[in-house]
Amino acid sequence: MLAHKAEEEGTFIAETIVGQKPHIHYRLIPGVVYTWPEVAAVGYTEEEVKQEGIPYKVGSFPFKALGRARASMDVDGLVKVLAHKETDEILGVHMIGARAADMIAEAVVAMEFRASAEDVSRMSHAHPTYTEAFKEACLDATDKRAINM
């Protein structure tokens, strides 16, 4: 959580000063490691979900099965989605691979609106793109329905 966290906090302060009632959901500020491959995550980790006793399910999708990653030869990586076992609400998303720093924003949007894994799996994603890995991981979390595995 680098500049993007500070930016949210600066906005929070400015809005408070002018009398607004802002809110920051710290769990939904993505963490990004700018290495190669990139690493990005938002929400709960699997360990946190276990510790809190939240019933969950996992979906994942490897980059080696992703057309765009294969075309660019960036096949190392995966997307992992944690969803509530009963409500299917997305609890956490973890990515490692090419473009993870960019792709995590889609997970943040979904989680801000309390989307389910099935919600994301039913959204059209351009093909071939890296973001299809998030859709496929959500499909995998939704009754193991990934298309391209």
Protein backbone atom coordinates (compact mmCIF):
# COMPACT_ATOMS: atom_id res chain seq x y z
CA MET A 1 0.00 0.00 0.00
CA LEU A 2 2.10 2.83 -1.25
CA ALA A 3 0.96 6.07 -2.85
CA HIS A 4 -2.56 4.81 -3.49
CA LYS A 5 -3.19 4.37 0.26
CA ALA A 6 -1.79 7.82 1.02
CA GLU A 7 -3.95 9.33 -1.71
CA GLU A 8 -7.10 7.80 -0.20
CA GLU A 9 -6.13 9.08 3.24
CA GLY A 10 -5.44 12.58 1.86
CA THR A 11 -8.87 12.61 0.23
CA PHE A 12 -10.38 11.41 3.52
CA ILE A 13 -8.79 14.31 5.39
CA ALA A 14 -9.85 16.90 2.81
CA GLU A 15 -13.44 15.64 2.79
CA THR A 16 -13.54 15.63 6.59
CA ILE A 17 -12.29 19.24 6.71
CA VAL A 18 -15.13 20.39 4.44
CA GLY A 19 -17.73 18.62 6.57
CA GLN A 20 -18.28 15.45 4.58
CA LYS A 21 -18.39 12.02 6.20
CA PRO A 22 -15.90 9.93 4.21
CA HIS A 23 -14.99 6.32 4.80
CA ILE A 24 -11.96 4.21 3.94
CA HIS A 25 -12.32 0.45 3.75
CA TYR A 26 -8.70 -0.47 4.46
CA ARG A 27 -9.22 -4.14 3.61
CA LEU A 28 -10.11 -3.05 0.07
CA ILE A 29 -6.95 -1.06 -0.57
CA PRO A 30 -4.86 -3.34 -2.76
CA GLY A 31 -1.37 -4.37 -1.85
CA VAL A 32 1.00 -4.54 -4.80
CA VAL A 33 4.60 -5.69 -5.13
CA TYR A 34 6.17 -4.17 -8.23
CA THR A 35 8.50 -7.01 -9.12
CA TRP A 36 8.48 -9.32 -12.11
CA PRO A 37 6.28 -11.15 -11.98
CA GLU A 38 4.03 -8.65 -10.21
CA VAL A 39 2.13 -9.62 -7.06
CA ALA A 40 -1.17 -8.06 -6.00
CA ALA A 41 -3.81 -8.83 -3.40
CA VAL A 42 -6.93 -7.33 -1.87
CA GLY A 43 -9.22 -8.48 0.91
CA TYR A 44 -8.75 -11.44 3.19
CA THR A 45 -5.95 -13.96 2.94
CA GLU A 46 -6.82 -17.61 3.22
CA GLU A 47 -5.14 -17.73 6.63
CA GLU A 48 -7.31 -14.82 7.89
CA VAL A 49 -10.50 -16.46 6.64
CA LYS A 50 -9.55 -19.68 8.46
CA GLN A 51 -8.67 -17.81 11.67
CA GLU A 52 -12.00 -15.98 11.66
CA GLY A 53 -13.92 -19.18 11.00
CA ILE A 54 -15.53 -17.86 7.84
CA PRO A 55 -16.80 -20.65 5.58
CA TYR A 56 -15.12 -20.20 2.22
CA LYS A 57 -14.36 -21.74 -1.12
CA VAL A 58 -11.41 -21.21 -3.45
CA GLY A 59 -11.13 -20.76 -7.17
CA SER A 60 -7.90 -20.35 -9.07
CA PHE A 61 -6.71 -20.10 -12.63
CA PRO A 62 -3.14 -20.54 -13.89
CA PHE A 63 -1.66 -18.16 -16.43
CA LYS A 64 -0.34 -21.14 -18.40
CA ALA A 65 -3.96 -21.77 -19.49
CA LEU A 66 -4.53 -18.11 -20.42
CA GLY A 67 -4.35 -17.29 -24.12
CA ARG A 68 -2.91 -13.78 -23.68
CA ALA A 69 -0.21 -15.02 -21.30
CA ARG A 70 0.71 -17.81 -23.70
CA ALA A 71 0.93 -15.38 -26.62
CA SER A 72 3.28 -13.08 -24.69
CA MET A 73 5.16 -16.00 -23.10
CA ASP A 74 4.35 -14.73 -19.58
CA VAL A 75 2.86 -18.01 -18.39
CA ASP A 76 4.17 -17.92 -14.81
CA GLY A 77 1.43 -16.93 -12.42
CA LEU A 78 -2.13 -17.42 -11.30
CA VAL A 79 -5.20 -15.72 -9.89
CA LYS A 80 -6.80 -17.03 -6.71
CA VAL A 81 -10.26 -16.02 -5.49
CA LEU A 82 -11.67 -16.63 -2.02
CA ALA A 83 -15.45 -16.47 -1.81
CA HIS A 84 -17.88 -17.01 1.04
CA LYS A 85 -19.10 -20.60 0.88
CA GLU A 86 -22.76 -19.70 1.47
CA THR A 87 -23.21 -16.21 -0.05
CA ASP A 88 -20.51 -16.46 -2.75
CA GLU A 89 -19.39 -12.89 -1.91
CA ILE A 90 -15.75 -12.35 -2.91
CA LEU A 91 -13.64 -12.14 0.24
CA GLY A 92 -10.14 -11.91 -1.20
CA VAL A 93 -8.25 -11.98 -4.47
CA HIS A 94 -4.57 -12.80 -4.89
CA MET A 95 -2.59 -12.57 -8.11
CA ILE A 96 0.92 -13.22 -9.22
CA GLY A 97 1.98 -12.72 -12.79
CA ALA A 98 2.14 -10.25 -15.63
CA ARG A 99 -0.18 -7.26 -15.21
CA ALA A 100 -1.30 -8.22 -11.68
CA ALA A 101 -0.77 -4.61 -10.53
CA ASP A 102 -3.28 -3.46 -13.15
CA MET A 103 -5.73 -6.36 -12.86
CA ILE A 104 -6.25 -6.04 -9.09
CA ALA A 105 -8.40 -2.94 -9.69
CA GLU A 106 -11.15 -5.12 -11.17
CA ALA A 107 -11.21 -7.17 -7.98
CA VAL A 108 -11.37 -4.01 -5.86
CA VAL A 109 -14.37 -2.74 -7.84
CA ALA A 110 -16.14 -6.08 -7.51
CA MET A 111 -15.48 -6.23 -3.78
CA GLU A 112 -16.53 -2.59 -3.18
CA PHE A 113 -19.91 -3.53 -4.61
CA ARG A 114 -19.96 -6.84 -2.70
CA ALA A 115 -20.08 -8.88 -5.89
CA SER A 116 -20.21 -12.64 -5.82
CA ALA A 117 -17.80 -14.86 -7.69
CA GLU A 118 -20.70 -15.78 -9.95
CA ASP A 119 -21.40 -12.08 -10.65
CA VAL A 120 -17.86 -11.65 -12.01
CA SER A 121 -18.00 -14.96 -13.87
CA ARG A 122 -21.07 -13.74 -15.78
CA MET A 123 -19.44 -10.46 -16.90
CA SER A 124 -18.05 -10.34 -20.40
CA HIS A 125 -14.27 -10.01 -20.51
CA ALA A 126 -12.45 -9.08 -23.69
CA HIS A 127 -10.51 -11.95 -25.27
CA PRO A 128 -7.61 -12.39 -25.20
CA THR A 129 -6.76 -10.41 -22.06
CA TYR A 130 -5.06 -11.02 -18.75
CA THR A 131 -8.26 -10.11 -16.88
CA GLU A 132 -9.86 -13.28 -18.17
CA ALA A 133 -7.81 -15.04 -15.49
CA PHE A 134 -9.89 -13.26 -12.81
CA LYS A 135 -13.12 -14.32 -14.55
CA GLU A 136 -11.86 -17.90 -14.85
CA ALA A 137 -10.83 -18.00 -11.18
CA CYS A 138 -14.33 -16.78 -10.28
CA LEU A 139 -15.81 -19.49 -12.50
CA ASP A 140 -13.63 -22.01 -10.68
CA ALA A 141 -14.89 -20.72 -7.32
CA THR A 142 -18.45 -21.04 -8.65
CA ASP A 143 -18.91 -24.80 -8.74
CA LYS A 144 -15.57 -25.45 -10.51
CA ARG A 145 -16.86 -24.13 -13.85
CA ALA A 146 -13.65 -22.69 -15.34
CA ILE A 147 -13.89 -22.83 -19.13
CA ASN A 148 -10.27 -22.91 -20.27
CA MET A 149 -8.66 -25.45 -17.96
